[in-house]
């Protein structure tokens, strides 16, 4: 029978660092809120939080004997089905027996890293596919952020206003995802440097840039991918494109908060309460070990279960071709 093997804190940190760096992996656990579920499939509810019915005035004065203006809180349902994802590392049993150290950590790292990579690919597809967004714009010429005449803040503010209008200004926090090249360019943009050159001696990191754009958080993706076939020389390229996504996530302070997407994560009790706690196994990854006698190999398998759902594409806006 496969047995559970808990990934310890140092290994978990190493898996994060080995795949994408401490900033890149954050897109998996911080960009989109996760909902822990105890079923592999179920129904979830989507609420329409419009306060005033469409095509009505804001004059709600009541005439005695008349009916009050009545609106409906629309409740629609959708189904989610959590998908199982797994990767195996096979090591000859003779090597396991003769090794001077435990190979469990190395094999667990390799298997778990593949799962982390697959999760990052899911998020990259979600946040950088224009069809997932109700609204988008493609920058050209001097509007591209690589040009000093551009204004990235104006573009982001337009995206936020568009989302607010499309969702009737429903509660929620705004976040931005971008790759490292775009973020570095924004850091050095003349408008940004001019705003902070007299008011702050701090380096314009993610927190400062989030305040500049007026959003809750900026997620900077630093991942790279190897497109070479097995056994060939590495061919590395940037994983995330220069498209910038502006999207809404749930506001913990609001019961009826709206959001762009949700990750349903079935973790069999493996996930901790806080994503900030390293030993909480923040991905809910389970490690299983068993021996295949016929092949004379020890199998170490990493498995996790999640699915991404989009309640409302109007809660997102993508800015395409930000760099020339």
Protein backbone atom coordinates (compact mmCIF):
# COMPACT_ATOMS: atom_id res chain seq x y z
CA UNK A 1 0.00 0.00 0.00
CA UNK A 2 1.30 3.50 -0.76
CA UNK A 3 2.22 5.42 2.36
CA UNK A 4 1.99 9.15 2.95
CA UNK A 5 5.30 11.00 3.14
CA UNK A 6 5.13 14.58 4.37
CA UNK A 7 7.26 17.15 2.51
CA UNK A 8 9.25 19.02 5.12
CA UNK A 9 9.83 22.79 5.14
CA UNK A 10 13.37 22.89 3.64
CA UNK A 11 12.38 20.59 0.79
CA UNK A 12 9.22 22.56 0.10
CA UNK A 13 11.22 25.78 -0.10
CA UNK A 14 13.74 24.09 -2.38
CA UNK A 15 11.00 22.91 -4.72
CA UNK A 16 9.70 26.45 -4.93
CA UNK A 17 13.16 27.86 -5.62
CA UNK A 18 14.17 25.17 -8.09
CA UNK A 19 11.21 25.77 -10.34
CA UNK A 20 10.57 29.47 -10.43
CA UNK A 21 12.28 31.43 -7.69
CA UNK A 22 10.61 32.81 -4.60
CA UNK A 23 8.59 35.36 -6.58
CA UNK A 24 7.52 33.23 -9.50
CA UNK A 25 5.79 30.48 -7.56
CA UNK A 26 3.57 33.00 -5.78
CA UNK A 27 1.23 32.99 -8.79
CA UNK A 28 0.16 29.52 -7.75
CA UNK A 29 -0.90 30.34 -4.21
CA UNK A 30 -1.42 34.09 -4.05
CA UNK A 31 -2.79 35.23 -7.40
CA UNK A 32 -6.09 33.34 -7.23
CA UNK A 33 -7.80 32.51 -3.90
CA UNK A 34 -8.13 28.84 -3.08
CA UNK A 35 -11.14 27.13 -1.61
CA UNK A 36 -10.45 23.95 0.37
CA UNK A 37 -13.08 21.32 -0.36
CA UNK A 38 -13.77 17.90 1.14
CA UNK A 39 -15.32 16.46 -2.02
CA UNK A 40 -13.81 15.82 -5.44
CA UNK A 41 -16.92 17.26 -7.07
CA UNK A 42 -19.76 19.47 -5.90
CA UNK A 43 -21.93 22.47 -6.77
CA UNK A 44 -20.92 26.03 -6.02
CA UNK A 45 -23.10 29.14 -6.05
CA UNK A 46 -22.54 32.39 -7.94
CA UNK A 47 -24.34 35.46 -6.66
CA UNK A 48 -25.21 38.52 -8.72
CA UNK A 49 -24.62 41.37 -6.29
CA UNK A 50 -26.31 44.15 -8.29
CA UNK A 51 -27.87 46.55 -5.82
CA UNK A 52 -30.08 48.43 -8.29
CA UNK A 53 -32.00 46.65 -11.02
CA UNK A 54 -31.02 47.51 -14.57
CA UNK A 55 -32.86 50.37 -16.32
CA UNK A 56 -34.24 51.89 -13.12
CA UNK A 57 -33.66 55.31 -11.63
CA UNK A 58 -32.04 55.97 -8.28
CA UNK A 59 -35.15 57.78 -7.05
CA UNK A 60 -36.57 55.33 -4.51
CA UNK A 61 -39.01 57.68 -2.81
CA UNK A 62 -42.10 55.74 -1.79
CA UNK A 63 -45.68 56.82 -2.41
CA UNK A 64 -48.15 55.58 0.24
CA UNK A 65 -50.18 52.70 -1.11
CA UNK A 66 -47.78 52.04 -3.97
CA UNK A 67 -45.53 49.01 -4.32
CA UNK A 68 -41.90 49.21 -3.39
CA UNK A 69 -39.33 48.78 -6.16
CA UNK A 70 -38.18 45.20 -5.92
CA UNK A 71 -34.99 43.59 -7.09
CA UNK A 72 -33.72 40.01 -7.07
CA UNK A 73 -30.42 38.62 -5.85
CA UNK A 74 -29.65 36.24 -8.69
CA UNK A 75 -28.23 32.90 -7.59
CA UNK A 76 -26.82 30.61 -10.27
CA UNK A 77 -24.99 27.34 -9.74
CA UNK A 78 -22.11 25.58 -11.46
CA UNK A 79 -20.32 22.31 -10.84
CA UNK A 80 -16.63 21.76 -10.19
CA UNK A 81 -14.75 18.49 -10.60
CA UNK A 82 -11.32 18.33 -8.99
CA UNK A 83 -8.71 16.76 -11.26
CA UNK A 84 -6.00 14.45 -9.99
CA UNK A 85 -2.47 15.26 -11.14
CA UNK A 86 0.54 13.09 -10.48
CA UNK A 87 4.15 12.40 -11.43
CA UNK A 88 6.39 9.47 -10.55
CA UNK A 89 10.12 9.14 -9.97
CA UNK A 90 11.47 5.59 -10.44
CA UNK A 91 14.76 4.60 -8.77
CA UNK A 92 16.35 1.12 -8.98
CA UNK A 93 15.98 -0.67 -5.63
CA UNK A 94 19.68 -1.56 -5.68
CA UNK A 95 20.55 2.12 -5.77
CA UNK A 96 18.14 2.85 -2.92
CA UNK A 97 19.69 0.09 -0.80
CA UNK A 98 23.32 1.03 -1.50
CA UNK A 99 23.01 4.83 -1.29
CA UNK A 100 24.93 6.54 1.53
CA UNK A 101 21.95 8.84 2.12
CA UNK A 102 18.17 8.74 1.77
CA UNK A 103 17.02 9.27 -1.81
CA UNK A 104 13.49 10.09 -0.68
CA UNK A 105 14.08 13.83 -0.50
CA UNK A 106 15.71 14.00 -3.95
CA UNK A 107 13.00 11.91 -5.61
CA UNK A 108 10.24 13.82 -3.81
CA UNK A 109 11.75 17.10 -4.97
CA UNK A 110 11.86 15.95 -8.60
CA UNK A 111 8.29 14.62 -8.58
CA UNK A 112 6.84 17.58 -6.68
CA UNK A 113 8.65 20.06 -8.93
CA UNK A 114 6.85 18.58 -11.93
CA UNK A 115 3.52 19.18 -10.18
CA UNK A 116 4.49 22.74 -9.31
CA UNK A 117 5.39 23.29 -12.96
CA UNK A 118 2.05 21.91 -14.11
CA UNK A 119 0.23 24.18 -11.66
CA UNK A 120 2.14 27.20 -12.94
CA UNK A 121 1.21 26.24 -16.50
CA UNK A 122 -2.47 26.17 -15.49
CA UNK A 123 -2.24 29.65 -14.03
CA UNK A 124 -0.28 31.00 -16.99
CA UNK A 125 -2.97 29.72 -19.34
CA UNK A 126 -5.74 31.18 -17.15
CA UNK A 127 -4.18 34.63 -16.74
CA UNK A 128 -2.69 35.09 -20.21
CA UNK A 129 -5.35 33.75 -22.60
CA UNK A 130 -7.41 36.64 -23.96
CA UNK A 131 -10.50 34.46 -24.34
CA UNK A 132 -10.69 34.17 -20.54
CA UNK A 133 -11.32 37.90 -20.22
CA UNK A 134 -14.46 39.81 -21.11
CA UNK A 135 -12.37 42.90 -21.92
CA UNK A 136 -8.91 43.42 -23.37
CA UNK A 137 -6.74 45.90 -25.22
CA UNK A 138 -3.66 45.47 -27.41
CA UNK A 139 -1.00 48.15 -27.12
CA UNK A 140 0.86 49.44 -30.18
CA UNK A 141 3.47 52.10 -30.94
CA UNK A 142 4.04 54.71 -28.24
CA UNK A 143 1.31 53.16 -26.06
CA UNK A 144 3.52 50.15 -25.34
CA UNK A 145 5.15 50.40 -21.93
CA UNK A 146 8.62 50.04 -23.40
CA UNK A 147 8.12 53.53 -24.89
CA UNK A 148 8.80 56.51 -22.61
CA UNK A 149 5.68 58.25 -23.96
CA UNK A 150 3.40 55.50 -22.62
CA UNK A 151 1.44 55.64 -19.37
CA UNK A 152 1.10 52.21 -17.68
CA UNK A 153 -0.87 53.65 -14.77
CA UNK A 154 -3.54 55.07 -17.06
CA UNK A 155 -3.89 51.69 -18.80
CA UNK A 156 -4.31 49.86 -15.47
CA UNK A 157 -6.77 52.45 -14.18
CA UNK A 158 -8.85 52.02 -17.35
CA UNK A 159 -8.86 48.26 -16.77
CA UNK A 160 -10.03 48.70 -13.17
CA UNK A 161 -12.80 51.12 -14.18
CA UNK A 162 -13.93 48.74 -16.92
CA UNK A 163 -14.15 45.85 -14.46
CA UNK A 164 -16.03 47.96 -11.93
CA UNK A 165 -18.54 49.10 -14.54
CA UNK A 166 -19.05 45.58 -15.89
CA UNK A 167 -19.61 44.17 -12.38
CA UNK A 168 -21.66 47.04 -10.94
CA UNK A 169 -18.79 47.97 -8.62
CA UNK A 170 -19.25 44.80 -6.58
CA UNK A 171 -16.82 44.35 -3.67
CA UNK A 172 -13.42 42.84 -4.32
CA UNK A 173 -9.67 43.46 -4.35
CA UNK A 174 -7.70 44.10 -7.55
CA UNK A 175 -4.47 42.33 -8.43
CA UNK A 176 -2.07 42.44 -11.37
CA UNK A 177 0.06 39.65 -12.82
CA UNK A 178 3.04 40.37 -15.09
CA UNK A 179 6.33 38.75 -15.99
CA UNK A 180 9.68 39.98 -14.70
CA UNK A 181 10.66 41.84 -17.88
CA UNK A 182 7.48 43.93 -17.77
CA UNK A 183 7.87 44.61 -14.05
CA UNK A 184 11.50 45.71 -14.49
CA UNK A 185 10.46 48.06 -17.29
CA UNK A 186 7.69 49.59 -15.16
CA UNK A 187 10.16 50.09 -12.31
CA UNK A 188 12.36 52.18 -14.62
CA UNK A 189 9.55 54.01 -16.44
CA UNK A 190 10.09 57.81 -16.39
CA UNK A 191 6.68 58.44 -14.81
CA UNK A 192 7.41 56.05 -11.96
CA UNK A 193 10.90 57.42 -11.36
CA UNK A 194 9.60 60.97 -11.45
CA UNK A 195 6.89 60.24 -8.88
CA UNK A 196 9.21 58.65 -6.34
CA UNK A 197 12.53 60.44 -6.84
CA UNK A 198 11.81 63.06 -4.16
CA UNK A 199 9.39 61.20 -1.90
CA UNK A 200 11.04 57.84 -1.29
CA UNK A 201 14.52 56.40 -1.10
CA UNK A 202 13.14 52.86 -1.26
CA UNK A 203 13.60 50.56 -4.21
CA UNK A 204 10.36 50.28 -6.16
CA UNK A 205 9.50 46.71 -5.21
CA UNK A 206 6.20 44.88 -5.68
CA UNK A 207 4.60 46.54 -2.64
CA UNK A 208 5.46 50.07 -3.74
CA UNK A 209 4.38 49.40 -7.31
CA UNK A 210 1.08 47.94 -6.06
CA UNK A 211 0.40 51.22 -4.25
CA UNK A 212 1.40 53.14 -7.39
CA UNK A 213 -1.19 51.28 -9.47
CA UNK A 214 -3.76 51.30 -6.67
CA UNK A 215 -4.14 47.53 -6.38
CA UNK A 216 -3.94 45.01 -3.56
CA UNK A 217 -0.97 43.08 -4.95
CA UNK A 218 1.29 42.68 -7.97
CA UNK A 219 2.32 39.10 -8.76
CA UNK A 220 5.63 38.97 -10.65
CA UNK A 221 6.17 35.68 -12.49
CA UNK A 222 9.83 34.78 -13.05
CA UNK A 223 9.46 31.23 -14.38
CA UNK A 224 11.39 29.82 -17.32
CA UNK A 225 10.74 26.62 -19.29
CA UNK A 226 12.94 24.12 -21.08
CA UNK A 227 11.54 23.20 -24.49
CA UNK A 228 14.32 20.75 -25.40
CA UNK A 229 13.60 17.03 -25.72
CA UNK A 230 14.83 14.64 -23.03
CA UNK A 231 18.60 14.18 -23.31
CA UNK A 232 19.13 17.25 -25.49
CA UNK A 233 20.88 20.48 -24.50
CA UNK A 234 18.65 22.81 -22.53
CA UNK A 235 16.67 25.42 -24.46
CA UNK A 236 15.32 27.86 -21.90
CA UNK A 237 12.77 30.58 -22.54
CA UNK A 238 10.50 32.85 -20.52
CA UNK A 239 7.34 31.03 -19.46
CA UNK A 240 5.03 34.08 -19.11
CA UNK A 241 4.47 36.49 -22.01
CA UNK A 242 4.43 40.29 -21.77
CA UNK A 243 0.64 40.37 -21.40
CA UNK A 244 -0.50 41.99 -18.14
CA UNK A 245 -3.65 40.77 -16.39
CA UNK A 246 -5.76 42.93 -14.09
CA UNK A 247 -8.33 40.93 -12.15
CA UNK A 248 -10.53 40.98 -9.09
CA UNK A 249 -10.19 38.58 -6.15
CA UNK A 250 -12.34 38.05 -3.10
CA UNK A 251 -12.23 40.68 -0.37
CA UNK A 252 -12.10 38.80 2.97
CA UNK A 253 -13.98 41.70 4.59
CA UNK A 254 -16.98 41.34 2.28
CA UNK A 255 -19.45 38.47 2.37
CA UNK A 256 -20.64 39.07 -1.20
CA UNK A 257 -17.26 39.72 -2.77
CA UNK A 258 -16.85 39.00 -6.48
CA UNK A 259 -13.81 37.46 -8.16
CA UNK A 260 -12.28 36.48 -11.48
CA UNK A 261 -11.43 32.85 -10.72
CA UNK A 262 -11.28 30.30 -7.91
CA UNK A 263 -9.14 27.25 -7.31
CA UNK A 264 -10.97 24.36 -5.68
CA UNK A 265 -8.37 22.27 -3.88
CA UNK A 266 -9.06 18.81 -2.48
CA UNK A 267 -6.22 18.10 -0.10
CA UNK A 268 -7.27 15.17 2.11
CA UNK A 269 -6.36 17.20 5.18
CA UNK A 270 -2.77 17.85 4.06
CA UNK A 271 -3.03 21.61 3.64
CA UNK A 272 -2.31 23.92 6.56
CA UNK A 273 -4.44 26.86 7.60
CA UNK A 274 -1.94 29.49 6.47
CA UNK A 275 -0.11 29.85 3.16
CA UNK A 276 2.55 31.81 5.06
CA UNK A 277 3.51 28.76 7.14
CA UNK A 278 6.26 26.86 5.27
CA UNK A 279 5.57 23.51 6.94
CA UNK A 280 1.85 23.68 6.14
CA UNK A 281 2.50 21.88 2.82
CA UNK A 282 0.79 24.74 0.95
CA UNK A 283 0.09 22.77 -2.25
CA UNK A 284 -1.64 19.83 -0.57
CA UNK A 285 0.81 17.53 -2.39
CA UNK A 286 0.92 13.93 -1.18
CA UNK A 287 3.95 11.70 -1.64
CA UNK A 288 3.39 7.96 -2.04
CA UNK A 289 6.06 5.25 -2.07
CA UNK A 290 5.91 1.64 -3.22
CA UNK A 291 8.09 -1.01 -4.91
CA UNK A 292 7.49 -2.61 -8.31
CA UNK A 293 9.06 -6.04 -7.89
CA UNK A 294 8.93 -6.93 -11.59
CA UNK A 295 10.93 -3.85 -12.59
CA UNK A 296 13.00 -3.83 -9.38
CA UNK A 297 12.41 -0.13 -8.87
CA UNK A 298 11.18 1.99 -5.98
CA UNK A 299 8.42 4.37 -7.10
CA UNK A 300 7.94 7.72 -5.43
CA UNK A 301 4.77 9.43 -6.65
CA UNK A 302 3.66 13.04 -6.04
CA UNK A 303 -0.08 13.68 -6.31
CA UNK A 304 -2.33 16.68 -5.86
CA UNK A 305 -5.95 17.54 -6.70
CA UNK A 306 -7.32 20.89 -7.86
CA UNK A 307 -9.32 22.64 -10.58
CA UNK A 308 -9.59 26.27 -11.67
CA UNK A 309 -13.06 27.73 -12.21
CA UNK A 310 -14.09 31.13 -13.59
CA UNK A 311 -17.27 32.51 -11.99
CA UNK A 312 -17.20 35.74 -14.01
CA UNK A 313 -14.93 36.70 -16.92
CA UNK A 314 -16.02 40.34 -16.49
CA UNK A 315 -13.87 40.46 -13.35
CA UNK A 316 -10.73 40.46 -15.46
CA UNK A 317 -9.03 42.64 -18.08
CA UNK A 318 -5.91 41.73 -20.09
CA UNK A 319 -3.45 44.21 -21.60
CA UNK A 320 -1.67 42.56 -24.53
CA UNK A 321 1.74 43.37 -26.07
CA UNK A 322 2.95 45.72 -23.33
CA UNK A 323 6.54 45.58 -24.65
CA UNK A 324 7.79 46.22 -28.16
